[in-house]
């Protein structure tokens, strides 16, 4: 079941990545792909003022990749592999967007990575606070 959820989540991310207008997708359910075989890379991965960053979009990226990392951890049972795959997928989605009339954005990639890292931190903290570790530390004192 975890693999099915993972595949569905990846497909959903990919559709959101490649659709021409993600706002139109969410507002009207409209999916439109416009492939550009020779994209303009001049505006890819540029820094711009933080004031221009869309906070709602960044929060969406954060949770989208937080959930992706969680599904990967459940499916693979390997925290670090799950993190590496999720961040790599974030990089891939930003690159692929350029071929579908969208821009590659460093702030999106940062939000993706922060979502993954947050999930990894929670997983490692949960592993550290397991009853076995708690009892070992309380017996040592």
N, C-alpha and C. Protein backbone atom coordinates (compact mmCIF):
# COMPACT_ATOMS: atom_id res chain seq x y z
N UNK A 1 0.82 -1.21 0.00
CA UNK A 1 0.00 0.00 0.00
C UNK A 1 0.86 1.27 0.00
N UNK A 2 1.99 1.24 0.75
CA UNK A 2 2.84 2.43 0.80
C UNK A 2 3.44 2.74 -0.57
N UNK A 3 3.72 1.69 -1.36
CA UNK A 3 4.26 1.93 -2.70
C UNK A 3 3.22 2.59 -3.60
N UNK A 4 1.99 2.16 -3.48
CA UNK A 4 0.91 2.75 -4.28
C UNK A 4 0.74 4.22 -3.94
N UNK A 5 0.70 4.54 -2.66
CA UNK A 5 0.60 5.95 -2.24
C UNK A 5 1.79 6.75 -2.75
N UNK A 6 2.98 6.17 -2.67
CA UNK A 6 4.19 6.84 -3.14
C UNK A 6 4.09 7.14 -4.63
N UNK A 7 3.70 6.15 -5.42
CA UNK A 7 3.59 6.35 -6.87
C UNK A 7 2.54 7.40 -7.20
N UNK A 8 1.40 7.36 -6.53
CA UNK A 8 0.35 8.36 -6.77
C UNK A 8 0.84 9.76 -6.40
N UNK A 9 1.56 9.87 -5.30
CA UNK A 9 2.09 11.18 -4.88
C UNK A 9 3.10 11.71 -5.90
N UNK A 10 3.98 10.84 -6.38
CA UNK A 10 4.98 11.25 -7.38
C UNK A 10 4.29 11.68 -8.67
N UNK A 11 3.27 10.94 -9.09
CA UNK A 11 2.52 11.32 -10.30
C UNK A 11 1.87 12.69 -10.10
N UNK A 12 1.29 12.90 -8.92
CA UNK A 12 0.67 14.20 -8.62
C UNK A 12 1.68 15.34 -8.66
N UNK A 13 2.85 15.13 -8.07
CA UNK A 13 3.90 16.15 -8.12
C UNK A 13 4.31 16.41 -9.57
N UNK A 14 4.47 15.35 -10.33
CA UNK A 14 4.91 15.50 -11.72
C UNK A 14 3.87 16.25 -12.56
N UNK A 15 2.60 15.96 -12.34
CA UNK A 15 1.54 16.69 -13.07
C UNK A 15 1.59 18.17 -12.68
N UNK A 16 1.72 18.45 -11.39
CA UNK A 16 1.83 19.85 -10.95
C UNK A 16 3.06 20.54 -11.49
N UNK A 17 4.13 19.77 -11.64
CA UNK A 17 5.38 20.32 -12.17
C UNK A 17 5.27 20.68 -13.64
N UNK A 18 4.62 19.82 -14.40
CA UNK A 18 4.62 19.98 -15.86
C UNK A 18 3.42 20.74 -16.41
N UNK A 19 2.37 20.92 -15.63
CA UNK A 19 1.21 21.63 -16.15
C UNK A 19 1.56 23.10 -16.39
N UNK A 20 0.95 23.66 -17.39
CA UNK A 20 1.27 25.03 -17.81
C UNK A 20 0.99 26.06 -16.72
N UNK A 21 -0.10 25.88 -15.99
CA UNK A 21 -0.48 26.86 -14.97
C UNK A 21 -0.98 26.11 -13.74
N UNK A 22 -0.14 26.02 -12.71
CA UNK A 22 -0.49 25.25 -11.52
C UNK A 22 -1.68 25.86 -10.78
N UNK A 23 -1.84 27.18 -10.86
CA UNK A 23 -2.99 27.83 -10.22
C UNK A 23 -4.29 27.44 -10.91
N UNK A 24 -4.25 27.34 -12.23
CA UNK A 24 -5.41 26.90 -13.00
C UNK A 24 -5.73 25.43 -12.69
N UNK A 25 -4.69 24.65 -12.44
CA UNK A 25 -4.89 23.25 -12.06
C UNK A 25 -5.67 23.15 -10.76
N UNK A 26 -5.26 23.91 -9.75
CA UNK A 26 -5.92 23.85 -8.45
C UNK A 26 -7.29 24.52 -8.45
N UNK A 27 -7.42 25.62 -9.17
CA UNK A 27 -8.68 26.36 -9.17
C UNK A 27 -9.75 25.70 -10.05
N UNK A 28 -9.33 25.20 -11.22
CA UNK A 28 -10.30 24.69 -12.20
C UNK A 28 -10.09 23.24 -12.60
N UNK A 29 -9.07 22.61 -12.08
CA UNK A 29 -8.77 21.23 -12.45
C UNK A 29 -8.24 21.10 -13.87
N UNK A 30 -7.75 22.20 -14.42
CA UNK A 30 -7.28 22.21 -15.81
C UNK A 30 -5.81 21.78 -15.87
N UNK A 31 -5.56 20.74 -16.62
CA UNK A 31 -4.20 20.25 -16.84
C UNK A 31 -3.85 20.51 -18.30
N UNK A 32 -2.79 21.25 -18.51
CA UNK A 32 -2.35 21.57 -19.88
C UNK A 32 -0.84 21.51 -19.92
N UNK A 33 -0.32 20.66 -20.80
CA UNK A 33 1.12 20.53 -20.95
C UNK A 33 1.57 21.22 -22.23
N UNK A 34 2.56 22.10 -22.10
CA UNK A 34 3.15 22.78 -23.26
C UNK A 34 4.64 22.49 -23.21
N UNK A 35 5.09 21.59 -24.08
CA UNK A 35 6.49 21.19 -24.09
C UNK A 35 7.32 22.13 -24.94
N UNK A 36 8.45 22.56 -24.40
CA UNK A 36 9.39 23.44 -25.11
C UNK A 36 10.69 22.65 -25.30
N UNK A 37 10.97 22.18 -26.52
CA UNK A 37 12.15 21.34 -26.72
C UNK A 37 13.48 22.06 -26.53
N UNK A 38 13.47 23.37 -26.71
CA UNK A 38 14.71 24.14 -26.55
C UNK A 38 14.45 25.33 -25.62
N UNK A 39 14.39 25.08 -24.30
CA UNK A 39 14.00 26.15 -23.37
C UNK A 39 15.10 27.19 -23.17
N UNK A 40 14.70 28.34 -22.65
CA UNK A 40 15.62 29.42 -22.32
C UNK A 40 16.10 29.20 -20.88
N UNK A 41 17.38 28.94 -20.72
CA UNK A 41 17.95 28.66 -19.39
C UNK A 41 18.47 29.91 -18.70
N UNK A 42 18.35 31.08 -19.34
CA UNK A 42 18.88 32.31 -18.76
C UNK A 42 18.22 32.70 -17.44
N UNK A 43 16.94 32.37 -17.28
CA UNK A 43 16.23 32.75 -16.06
C UNK A 43 16.09 31.60 -15.07
N UNK A 44 16.81 30.52 -15.31
CA UNK A 44 16.71 29.36 -14.42
C UNK A 44 17.63 29.52 -13.22
N UNK A 45 17.13 29.18 -12.05
CA UNK A 45 17.88 29.16 -10.80
C UNK A 45 18.52 30.50 -10.46
N UNK A 46 17.80 31.58 -10.73
CA UNK A 46 18.29 32.92 -10.37
C UNK A 46 17.84 33.28 -8.95
N UNK A 47 18.65 34.07 -8.28
CA UNK A 47 18.24 34.63 -6.99
C UNK A 47 17.48 35.92 -7.25
N UNK A 48 16.45 36.15 -6.47
CA UNK A 48 15.70 37.40 -6.54
C UNK A 48 15.34 37.77 -5.11
N UNK A 49 14.89 38.98 -4.88
CA UNK A 49 14.61 39.42 -3.50
C UNK A 49 13.60 38.51 -2.79
N UNK A 50 13.83 38.25 -1.52
CA UNK A 50 12.94 37.40 -0.73
C UNK A 50 11.51 37.95 -0.70
N UNK A 51 11.37 39.26 -0.84
CA UNK A 51 10.04 39.87 -0.82
C UNK A 51 9.18 39.37 -1.99
N UNK A 52 9.81 38.89 -3.05
CA UNK A 52 9.08 38.40 -4.21
C UNK A 52 8.71 36.93 -4.10
N UNK A 53 9.16 36.26 -3.04
CA UNK A 53 8.86 34.84 -2.86
C UNK A 53 7.41 34.69 -2.41
N UNK A 54 6.67 33.83 -3.08
CA UNK A 54 5.28 33.56 -2.73
C UNK A 54 5.26 32.59 -1.55
N UNK A 55 4.86 33.09 -0.38
CA UNK A 55 4.89 32.29 0.85
C UNK A 55 3.98 31.07 0.77
N UNK A 56 2.80 31.23 0.17
CA UNK A 56 1.86 30.10 0.05
C UNK A 56 2.47 29.01 -0.81
N UNK A 57 3.09 29.41 -1.90
CA UNK A 57 3.73 28.45 -2.78
C UNK A 57 4.89 27.74 -2.07
N UNK A 58 5.66 28.48 -1.30
CA UNK A 58 6.78 27.89 -0.56
C UNK A 58 6.30 26.88 0.48
N UNK A 59 5.23 27.22 1.19
CA UNK A 59 4.65 26.29 2.17
C UNK A 59 4.14 25.04 1.46
N UNK A 60 3.55 25.22 0.29
CA UNK A 60 3.09 24.08 -0.51
C UNK A 60 4.24 23.16 -0.89
N UNK A 61 5.34 23.75 -1.34
CA UNK A 61 6.53 22.96 -1.69
C UNK A 61 7.06 22.22 -0.47
N UNK A 62 7.12 22.92 0.66
CA UNK A 62 7.61 22.32 1.90
C UNK A 62 6.81 21.06 2.23
N UNK A 63 5.49 21.17 2.29
CA UNK A 63 4.66 20.04 2.69
C UNK A 63 4.59 18.96 1.61
N UNK A 64 4.65 19.36 0.35
CA UNK A 64 4.64 18.39 -0.74
C UNK A 64 5.84 17.44 -0.62
N UNK A 65 7.01 18.01 -0.32
CA UNK A 65 8.22 17.19 -0.22
C UNK A 65 8.39 16.57 1.16
N UNK A 66 7.80 17.15 2.18
CA UNK A 66 7.74 16.52 3.51
C UNK A 66 6.98 15.20 3.39
N UNK A 67 5.83 15.26 2.72
CA UNK A 67 5.01 14.05 2.53
C UNK A 67 5.72 13.06 1.62
N UNK A 68 6.36 13.55 0.56
CA UNK A 68 7.12 12.65 -0.32
C UNK A 68 8.18 11.90 0.47
N UNK A 69 8.92 12.62 1.30
CA UNK A 69 9.97 11.98 2.10
C UNK A 69 9.36 10.97 3.07
N UNK A 70 8.23 11.30 3.67
CA UNK A 70 7.56 10.37 4.60
C UNK A 70 7.15 9.10 3.87
N UNK A 71 6.58 9.24 2.69
CA UNK A 71 6.17 8.06 1.91
C UNK A 71 7.37 7.23 1.49
N UNK A 72 8.47 7.89 1.17
CA UNK A 72 9.70 7.17 0.82
C UNK A 72 10.25 6.42 2.02
N UNK A 73 10.23 7.05 3.19
CA UNK A 73 10.70 6.36 4.41
C UNK A 73 9.83 5.13 4.67
N UNK A 74 8.52 5.27 4.55
CA UNK A 74 7.62 4.13 4.76
C UNK A 74 7.88 3.01 3.76
N UNK A 75 8.10 3.38 2.52
CA UNK A 75 8.29 2.37 1.47
C UNK A 75 9.66 1.72 1.54
N UNK A 76 10.70 2.51 1.78
CA UNK A 76 12.07 1.99 1.73
C UNK A 76 12.61 1.54 3.09
N UNK A 77 12.06 2.11 4.16
CA UNK A 77 12.56 1.84 5.51
C UNK A 77 14.03 2.25 5.67
N UNK A 78 14.47 3.21 4.88
CA UNK A 78 15.83 3.74 4.94
C UNK A 78 15.74 5.26 4.94
N UNK A 79 16.02 5.87 6.07
CA UNK A 79 15.82 7.31 6.22
C UNK A 79 16.71 8.11 5.28
N UNK A 80 17.98 7.83 5.26
CA UNK A 80 18.91 8.63 4.45
C UNK A 80 18.67 8.43 2.94
N UNK A 81 18.38 7.19 2.54
CA UNK A 81 18.06 6.96 1.13
C UNK A 81 16.81 7.72 0.72
N UNK A 82 15.83 7.69 1.60
CA UNK A 82 14.59 8.41 1.32
C UNK A 82 14.87 9.90 1.15
N UNK A 83 15.69 10.45 2.02
CA UNK A 83 16.04 11.87 1.92
C UNK A 83 16.78 12.20 0.64
N UNK A 84 17.74 11.36 0.29
CA UNK A 84 18.52 11.60 -0.93
C UNK A 84 17.63 11.52 -2.17
N UNK A 85 16.75 10.55 -2.20
CA UNK A 85 15.85 10.41 -3.35
C UNK A 85 14.88 11.59 -3.43
N UNK A 86 14.34 12.01 -2.29
CA UNK A 86 13.38 13.12 -2.29
C UNK A 86 14.04 14.42 -2.75
N UNK A 87 15.23 14.72 -2.25
CA UNK A 87 15.92 15.95 -2.68
C UNK A 87 16.29 15.86 -4.16
N UNK A 88 16.74 14.69 -4.60
CA UNK A 88 17.06 14.51 -6.02
C UNK A 88 15.83 14.72 -6.89
N UNK A 89 14.69 14.23 -6.42
CA UNK A 89 13.44 14.42 -7.17
C UNK A 89 13.08 15.90 -7.21
N UNK A 90 13.34 16.63 -6.14
CA UNK A 90 13.10 18.07 -6.12
C UNK A 90 13.95 18.79 -7.17
N UNK A 91 15.21 18.41 -7.25
CA UNK A 91 16.10 18.99 -8.27
C UNK A 91 15.58 18.65 -9.67
N UNK A 92 15.21 17.38 -9.87
CA UNK A 92 14.69 16.96 -11.17
C UNK A 92 13.44 17.73 -11.56
N UNK A 93 12.52 17.94 -10.62
CA UNK A 93 11.28 18.66 -10.97
C UNK A 93 11.57 20.10 -11.37
N UNK A 94 12.52 20.73 -10.70
CA UNK A 94 12.85 22.10 -11.07
C UNK A 94 13.47 22.17 -12.47
N UNK A 95 14.29 21.20 -12.82
CA UNK A 95 14.90 21.17 -14.16
C UNK A 95 13.84 20.87 -15.21
N UNK A 96 12.96 19.91 -14.94
CA UNK A 96 11.92 19.52 -15.89
C UNK A 96 10.97 20.68 -16.17
N UNK A 97 10.68 21.49 -15.15
CA UNK A 97 9.75 22.62 -15.33
C UNK A 97 10.16 23.54 -16.46
N UNK A 98 11.45 23.71 -16.66
CA UNK A 98 11.94 24.61 -17.71
C UNK A 98 11.48 24.13 -19.08
N UNK A 99 11.31 22.84 -19.23
CA UNK A 99 10.86 22.27 -20.52
C UNK A 99 9.35 22.37 -20.69
N UNK A 100 8.65 22.86 -19.68
CA UNK A 100 7.20 22.97 -19.74
C UNK A 100 6.74 24.39 -19.42
N UNK A 101 7.42 25.36 -19.97
CA UNK A 101 7.10 26.80 -19.89
C UNK A 101 7.10 27.35 -18.46
N UNK A 102 7.71 26.65 -17.53
CA UNK A 102 7.78 27.12 -16.16
C UNK A 102 9.25 27.36 -15.84
N UNK A 103 9.52 28.06 -14.78
CA UNK A 103 10.90 28.37 -14.43
C UNK A 103 11.44 27.47 -13.34
N UNK A 104 12.74 27.25 -13.37
CA UNK A 104 13.43 26.55 -12.30
C UNK A 104 13.74 27.58 -11.22
N UNK A 105 13.33 27.31 -9.99
CA UNK A 105 13.40 28.31 -8.93
C UNK A 105 14.19 27.78 -7.75
N UNK A 106 15.23 28.51 -7.37
CA UNK A 106 16.05 28.10 -6.22
C UNK A 106 15.26 28.12 -4.92
N UNK A 107 14.33 29.06 -4.79
CA UNK A 107 13.54 29.13 -3.56
C UNK A 107 12.58 27.94 -3.44
N UNK A 108 12.07 27.47 -4.57
CA UNK A 108 11.25 26.26 -4.55
C UNK A 108 12.10 25.07 -4.11
N UNK A 109 13.29 24.98 -4.67
CA UNK A 109 14.19 23.88 -4.30
C UNK A 109 14.57 23.96 -2.83
N UNK A 110 14.76 25.16 -2.32
CA UNK A 110 15.06 25.33 -0.90
C UNK A 110 13.88 24.87 -0.04
N UNK A 111 12.66 25.24 -0.42
CA UNK A 111 11.48 24.81 0.33
C UNK A 111 11.31 23.29 0.26
N UNK A 112 11.56 22.71 -0.92
CA UNK A 112 11.50 21.25 -1.08
C UNK A 112 12.48 20.58 -0.11
N UNK A 113 13.71 21.07 -0.12
CA UNK A 113 14.77 20.48 0.69
C UNK A 113 14.50 20.65 2.18
N UNK A 114 13.97 21.80 2.56
CA UNK A 114 13.64 22.01 3.98
C UNK A 114 12.52 21.06 4.44
N UNK A 115 11.56 20.79 3.58
CA UNK A 115 10.52 19.82 3.90
C UNK A 115 11.11 18.43 4.12
N UNK A 116 12.03 18.04 3.24
CA UNK A 116 12.68 16.73 3.36
C UNK A 116 13.52 16.68 4.63
N UNK A 117 14.33 17.70 4.85
CA UNK A 117 15.20 17.71 6.03
C UNK A 117 14.40 17.72 7.33
N UNK A 118 13.29 18.40 7.36
CA UNK A 118 12.44 18.41 8.55
C UNK A 118 11.91 17.02 8.84
N UNK A 119 11.45 16.32 7.80
CA UNK A 119 10.97 14.96 8.00
C UNK A 119 12.10 14.05 8.48
N UNK A 120 13.28 14.19 7.89
CA UNK A 120 14.41 13.35 8.30
C UNK A 120 14.78 13.61 9.76
N UNK A 121 14.75 14.88 10.16
CA UNK A 121 15.04 15.23 11.55
C UNK A 121 14.03 14.58 12.49
N UNK A 122 12.76 14.65 12.14
CA UNK A 122 11.71 14.05 12.97
C UNK A 122 11.91 12.53 13.04
N UNK A 123 12.23 11.89 11.92
CA UNK A 123 12.46 10.44 11.92
C UNK A 123 13.65 10.06 12.80
N UNK A 124 14.72 10.81 12.70
CA UNK A 124 15.90 10.50 13.52
C UNK A 124 15.63 10.78 14.99
N UNK A 125 14.90 11.83 15.28
CA UNK A 125 14.53 12.13 16.66
C UNK A 125 13.62 11.03 17.22
N UNK A 126 12.68 10.57 16.43
CA UNK A 126 11.78 9.50 16.85
C UNK A 126 12.56 8.21 17.09
N UNK A 127 13.54 7.95 16.25
CA UNK A 127 14.37 6.76 16.42
C UNK A 127 15.19 6.87 17.70
N UNK A 128 15.69 8.07 17.99
CA UNK A 128 16.52 8.29 19.17
C UNK A 128 15.71 8.20 20.46
N UNK A 129 14.43 8.60 20.39
CA UNK A 129 13.58 8.61 21.58
C UNK A 129 12.76 7.31 21.70
N UNK A 130 13.18 6.26 21.07
CA UNK A 130 12.45 5.00 21.21
C UNK A 130 12.55 4.50 22.64
N UNK A 131 11.63 3.66 23.07
CA UNK A 131 11.68 3.14 24.44
C UNK A 131 12.99 2.44 24.78
N UNK A 132 13.59 1.73 23.80
CA UNK A 132 14.86 1.05 24.07
C UNK A 132 15.95 2.04 24.44
N UNK A 133 16.06 3.13 23.68
CA UNK A 133 17.08 4.13 23.96
C UNK A 133 16.78 4.86 25.27
N UNK A 134 15.52 5.11 25.55
CA UNK A 134 15.15 5.80 26.79
C UNK A 134 15.57 4.95 27.98
N UNK A 135 15.31 3.66 27.93
CA UNK A 135 15.66 2.78 29.05
C UNK A 135 17.18 2.65 29.20
N UNK A 136 17.91 2.62 28.10
CA UNK A 136 19.38 2.54 28.17
C UNK A 136 19.95 3.76 28.87
N UNK A 137 19.44 4.97 28.51
CA UNK A 137 19.95 6.19 29.11
C UNK A 137 19.55 6.31 30.57
N UNK A 138 18.35 5.90 30.94
CA UNK A 138 17.91 6.03 32.33
C UNK A 138 18.64 5.02 33.22
N UNK A 139 19.05 3.87 32.68
CA UNK A 139 19.81 2.89 33.45
C UNK A 139 21.24 3.33 33.63
N UNK A 140 21.76 4.10 32.66
CA UNK A 140 23.15 4.56 32.75
C UNK A 140 23.32 5.65 33.82
N UNK A 141 22.26 6.39 34.15
CA UNK A 141 22.41 7.47 35.12
C UNK A 141 22.32 7.02 36.54
